[in-house]
Amino acid sequence: QLQLVESGGGLVQPGDTLTLSCRDSRFTLEHWAIGWFREAPGKEREAVACISATNNDTRYADSVKGRFTISRDNAKTTVWLQMSSLRAEDTAVYYCAGDLAPHRDTCTHVRHEYDYWGKGTRVTVSS
C-alpha cells in the first residue's frame, strides 16, 4: 500500500515556475504509474499529467501542455511535476496518485484507475 506525499506547493506569481514532488518515504515508485491531478475551488478533480511505470509514456492535459513537465528520478523514488508559466487558473490543490502497472508502457488520466492518493499540496497563483 502506497502512502504518497506531495510537497512543493505554495504561493507564486503569474509566470513563475514551481516544482511539485511526489514520493513514498517507505518504497520506491518503480512499479507504479503516477498521475498528477488537481482540484480547483468549486470544480471537479481533473487530470494534469501522468507518467507510466516504464517511463515510456507521459501525457498532459491540453490546458498544461507545453508548460508542465512530469518526470521521474533515476532511482524511481520521486515523481516531479515542473510547472512553468503559471497562470491564475492553475490555482488548485494538486494530488499525486499511484496505479500499479509495472509492465504497462502507457499511463492514464482516468481517475478510477488510480488506487492510492496523496493528501495534496496547495498551489496558489496570484499577483
Foldseek 3Di string as FASTA:
>chain_A
DAAKAKDFADEAAQQAKTKMKIFGPPDALLQWKKWKWWDDVPGDIFTAKIAHSVRLEIDGDPVQPPFWDWDADPVRGMIMIMGGRDDQVVWTWMKMFIARHRPDRYDDGDVVNTDDMYPTDTHGYHD
